[in-house]
C-alpha atoms as a PDB file:
ATOM      1  CA  MET A   1      33.446   1.871  32.214  1.00  0.00           C
ATOM      2  CA  ALA A   2      32.347   4.780  30.408  1.00  0.00           C
ATOM      3  CA  LYS A   3      32.342   2.720  27.374  1.00  0.00           C
ATOM      4  CA  ASP A   4      29.625   0.548  28.526  1.00  0.00           C
ATOM      5  CA  ALA A   5      27.325   3.344  29.592  1.00  0.00           C
ATOM      6  CA  LYS A   6      27.532   4.382  25.986  1.00  0.00           C
ATOM      7  CA  THR A   7      26.944   1.102  24.560  1.00  0.00           C
ATOM      8  CA  ARG A   8      24.048   0.398  27.434  1.00  0.00           C
ATOM      9  CA  GLY A   9      22.550   4.025  25.893  1.00  0.00           C
ATOM     10  CA  PHE A  10      22.893   2.777  22.567  1.00  0.00           C
ATOM     11  CA  PHE A  11      21.172  -0.073  22.963  1.00  0.00           C
ATOM     12  CA  ARG A  12      18.228   1.287  25.410  1.00  0.00           C
ATOM     13  CA  LEU A  13      17.723   3.854  22.220  1.00  0.00           C
ATOM     14  CA  LEU A  14      17.214   1.041  19.956  1.00  0.00           C
ATOM     15  CA  ALA A  15      14.959  -0.657  22.159  1.00  0.00           C
ATOM     16  CA  ASP A  16      12.974   2.787  22.570  1.00  0.00           C
ATOM     17  CA  LEU A  17      12.805   3.163  18.995  1.00  0.00           C
ATOM     18  CA  PRO A  18       9.518   0.907  18.338  1.00  0.00           C
ATOM     19  CA  GLY A  19       7.755   2.744  20.893  1.00  0.00           C
ATOM     20  CA  GLU A  20       8.773   6.225  19.811  1.00  0.00           C
ATOM     21  CA  LEU A  21       7.702   5.183  16.259  1.00  0.00           C
ATOM     22  CA  SER A  22       4.349   3.779  17.352  1.00  0.00           C
ATOM     23  CA  ASP A  23       3.888   6.982  19.418  1.00  0.00           C
ATOM     24  CA  LEU A  24       4.536   9.002  15.950  1.00  0.00           C
ATOM     25  CA  VAL A  25       2.646   7.180  14.189  1.00  0.00           C
ATOM     26  CA  ARG A  26      -0.524   7.565  16.550  1.00  0.00           C
ATOM     27  CA  ALA A  27       0.100  11.492  16.896  1.00  0.00           C
ATOM     28  CA  GLU A  28       0.054  11.649  12.956  1.00  0.00           C
ATOM     29  CA  ILE A  29      -3.162   9.636  12.672  1.00  0.00           C
ATOM     30  CA  ARG A  30      -4.408  12.017  15.290  1.00  0.00           C
ATOM     31  CA  LEU A  31      -3.556  15.052  13.052  1.00  0.00           C
ATOM     32  CA  LEU A  32      -4.825  13.547   9.921  1.00  0.00           C
ATOM     33  CA  GLN A  33      -8.307  12.801  11.686  1.00  0.00           C
ATOM     34  CA  SER A  34      -8.244  16.286  13.116  1.00  0.00           C
ATOM     35  CA  GLU A  35      -7.095  18.107   9.758  1.00  0.00           C
ATOM     36  CA  PHE A  36     -10.066  15.661   7.702  1.00  0.00           C
ATOM     37  CA  ALA A  37     -13.084  16.631  10.229  1.00  0.00           C
ATOM     38  CA  GLY A  38     -11.710  20.567   9.949  1.00  0.00           C
ATOM     39  CA  LYS A  39     -12.001  20.283   6.077  1.00  0.00           C
ATOM     40  CA  LEU A  40     -15.342  18.299   6.075  1.00  0.00           C
ATOM     41  CA  ARG A  41     -16.819  20.698   8.273  1.00  0.00           C
ATOM     42  CA  ALA A  42     -15.993  23.399   5.630  1.00  0.00           C
ATOM     43  CA  ALA A  43     -16.951  21.471   2.971  1.00  0.00           C
ATOM     44  CA  GLY A  44     -20.386  20.974   4.797  1.00  0.00           C
ATOM     45  CA  ILE A  45     -20.981  24.710   5.503  1.00  0.00           C
ATOM     46  CA  GLY A  46     -19.945  25.267   1.762  1.00  0.00           C
ATOM     47  CA  ILE A  47     -22.478  22.777   0.116  1.00  0.00           C
ATOM     48  CA  GLY A  48     -25.292  24.780   2.965  1.00  0.00           C
ATOM     49  CA  TRP A  49     -24.401  27.992   1.306  1.00  0.00           C
ATOM     50  CA  VAL A  50     -24.467  26.985  -2.551  1.00  0.00           C
ATOM     51  CA  THR A  51     -27.740  24.988  -1.758  1.00  0.00           C
ATOM     52  CA  LEU A  52     -29.147  28.408   0.001  1.00  0.00           C
ATOM     53  CA  GLY A  53     -27.726  30.116  -3.549  1.00  0.00           C
ATOM     54  CA  VAL A  54     -29.599  27.485  -5.853  1.00  0.00           C
ATOM     55  CA  THR A  55     -32.846  27.727  -4.061  1.00  0.00           C
ATOM     56  CA  LEU A  56     -32.893  31.541  -4.384  1.00  0.00           C
ATOM     57  CA  LEU A  57     -32.022  31.428  -8.233  1.00  0.00           C
ATOM     58  CA  SER A  58     -34.460  28.698  -8.320  1.00  0.00           C
ATOM     59  CA  MET A  59     -37.283  31.130  -6.863  1.00  0.00           C
ATOM     60  CA  VAL A  60     -35.908  34.063  -9.298  1.00  0.00           C
ATOM     61  CA  LEU A  61     -36.277  31.713 -12.300  1.00  0.00           C
ATOM     62  CA  THR A  62     -39.959  30.969 -11.085  1.00  0.00           C
ATOM     63  CA  MET A  63     -40.651  34.519 -11.025  1.00  0.00           C
ATOM     64  CA  LEU A  64     -39.312  35.361 -14.485  1.00  0.00           C
ATOM     65  CA  VAL A  65     -41.464  32.423 -15.936  1.00  0.00           C
ATOM     66  CA  VAL A  66     -44.382  34.239 -14.186  1.00  0.00           C
ATOM     67  CA  ALA A  67     -43.444  37.570 -15.109  1.00  0.00           C
ATOM     68  CA  LEU A  68     -42.996  36.085 -18.957  1.00  0.00           C
ATOM     69  CA  ILE A  69     -46.331  34.668 -18.741  1.00  0.00           C
ATOM     70  CA  LEU A  70     -48.083  37.788 -17.364  1.00  0.00           C
ATOM     71  CA  GLY A  71     -46.105  39.970 -20.047  1.00  0.00           C
ATOM     72  CA  LEU A  72     -47.516  37.731 -22.991  1.00  0.00           C
ATOM     73  CA  ALA A  73     -50.733  37.892 -21.139  1.00  0.00           C
ATOM     74  CA  GLU A  74     -51.366  41.421 -22.544  1.00  0.00           C
ATOM     75  CA  LEU A  75     -51.118  40.075 -26.326  1.00  0.00           C
ATOM     76  CA  MET A  76     -53.093  36.815 -25.603  1.00  0.00           C
ATOM     77  CA  PRO A  77     -55.263  35.572 -23.007  1.00  0.00           C
ATOM     78  CA  ALA A  78     -53.694  34.316 -19.912  1.00  0.00           C
ATOM     79  CA  TRP A  79     -54.002  30.725 -20.400  1.00  0.00           C
ATOM     80  CA  ALA A  80     -52.660  30.870 -23.839  1.00  0.00           C
ATOM     81  CA  ALA A  81     -49.637  32.460 -22.437  1.00  0.00           C
ATOM     82  CA  ALA A  82     -49.163  29.957 -19.858  1.00  0.00           C
ATOM     83  CA  LEU A  83     -49.309  27.059 -22.392  1.00  0.00           C
ATOM     84  CA  THR A  84     -46.881  28.885 -24.691  1.00  0.00           C
ATOM     85  CA  VAL A  85     -44.287  29.452 -21.854  1.00  0.00           C
ATOM     86  CA  ALA A  86     -44.868  25.849 -20.541  1.00  0.00           C
ATOM     87  CA  GLY A  87     -44.564  24.503 -23.793  1.00  0.00           C
ATOM     88  CA  ILE A  88     -41.064  26.447 -24.321  1.00  0.00           C
ATOM     89  CA  ALA A  89     -40.135  25.305 -21.163  1.00  0.00           C
ATOM     90  CA  LEU A  90     -40.777  21.674 -21.996  1.00  0.00           C
ATOM     91  CA  VAL A  91     -38.861  21.347 -25.240  1.00  0.00           C
ATOM     92  CA  GLY A  92     -35.964  23.346 -23.443  1.00  0.00           C
ATOM     93  CA  GLY A  93     -35.966  20.792 -20.756  1.00  0.00           C
ATOM     94  CA  VAL A  94     -36.429  18.002 -22.818  1.00  0.00           C
ATOM     95  CA  ALA A  95     -33.398  19.130 -24.947  1.00  0.00           C
ATOM     96  CA  PHE A  96     -31.332  19.818 -21.933  1.00  0.00           C
ATOM     97  CA  ILE A  97     -31.867  16.141 -20.307  1.00  0.00           C
ATOM     98  CA  ALA A  98     -31.163  14.677 -23.761  1.00  0.00           C
ATOM     99  CA  LEU A  99     -27.602  16.416 -23.583  1.00  0.00           C
ATOM    100  CA  GLY A 100     -27.144  15.286 -20.221  1.00  0.00           C
ATOM    101  CA  VAL A 101     -27.670  11.755 -21.094  1.00  0.00           C
ATOM    102  CA  SER A 102     -25.325  11.790 -24.138  1.00  0.00           C
ATOM    103  CA  SER A 103     -22.855  13.429 -22.149  1.00  0.00           C
ATOM    104  CA  ILE A 104     -23.231  10.956 -19.167  1.00  0.00           C
ATOM    105  CA  ARG A 105     -22.940   8.144 -21.768  1.00  0.00           C
ATOM    106  CA  LYS A 106     -19.868   9.349 -23.082  1.00  0.00           C
ATOM    107  CA  GLY A 107     -18.259   9.873 -19.485  1.00  0.00           C
ATOM    108  CA  PHE A 108     -19.323   6.200 -19.136  1.00  0.00           C
ATOM    109  CA  THR A 109     -17.363   4.537 -21.873  1.00  0.00           C
ATOM    110  CA  PRO A 110     -14.687   2.442 -20.949  1.00  0.00           C
ATOM    111  CA  PHE A 111     -10.826   3.964 -21.765  1.00  0.00           C
ATOM    112  CA  GLU A 112      -8.834   2.632 -24.550  1.00  0.00           C
ATOM    113  CA  SER A 113      -6.014   1.520 -22.056  1.00  0.00           C
ATOM    114  CA  VAL A 114      -8.722  -0.635 -20.283  1.00  0.00           C
ATOM    115  CA  ASP A 115     -10.128  -2.454 -23.557  1.00  0.00           C
ATOM    116  CA  GLN A 116      -6.245  -2.928 -24.422  1.00  0.00           C
ATOM    117  CA  ILE A 117      -5.560  -4.377 -21.039  1.00  0.00           C
ATOM    118  CA  ALA A 118      -8.562  -6.826 -21.091  1.00  0.00           C
ATOM    119  CA  LYS A 119      -7.402  -7.733 -24.905  1.00  0.00           C
ATOM    120  CA  ASP A 120      -3.884  -8.577 -23.212  1.00  0.00           C
ATOM    121  CA  PHE A 121      -5.189 -10.628 -20.639  1.00  0.00           C
ATOM    122  CA  ARG A 122      -7.475 -12.488 -22.788  1.00  0.00           C
ATOM    123  CA  ASN A 123      -4.342 -13.181 -25.366  1.00  0.00           C
ATOM    124  CA  LEU A 124      -2.225 -13.975 -22.171  1.00  0.00           C
ATOM    125  CA  GLY A 125      -4.243 -17.136 -21.584  1.00  0.00           C
ATOM    126  CA  LYS A 126      -3.438 -18.090 -25.604  1.00  0.00           C
ATOM    127  CA  GLY A 127       0.129 -17.876 -25.997  1.00  0.00           C
ATOM    128  CA  THR A 128       1.563 -16.667 -28.974  1.00  0.00           C
ATOM    129  CA  ASN A 129       2.100 -18.858 -32.170  1.00  0.00           C
ATOM    130  CA  ASP A 130       4.635 -16.875 -33.924  1.00  0.00           C
ATOM    131  CA  GLY A 131       6.482 -20.011 -34.973  1.00  0.00           C
ATOM    132  CA  LYS A 132       9.148 -19.650 -32.525  1.00  0.00           C
END
């Protein structure tokens, strides 16, 4: 009789196994969702702080440009000082944009391995005629 109880217990464990695994998977998914939400919230707060810092630095840069214009206005008329600073900023901005576009283009060139795989697929349909 003890043998029947042990056998029944083993089969009951086997029968419960899919339900237990299902519960475990659901619990892991809930944990993952909770962890992901926490990380997303922290990233959002971080992005907010970075945005505030960039805004303040942008204001400082604007103030420095105004100070440069006012300093040059001591040497030349104010309108000429403003045009000089604007021209320098224009040339610098165009140079940085060109540098950025060049870098972006370099970043989007296909990988050599991707080109090789595409070449292999094209040659796959042709077969090899090595005389073998």
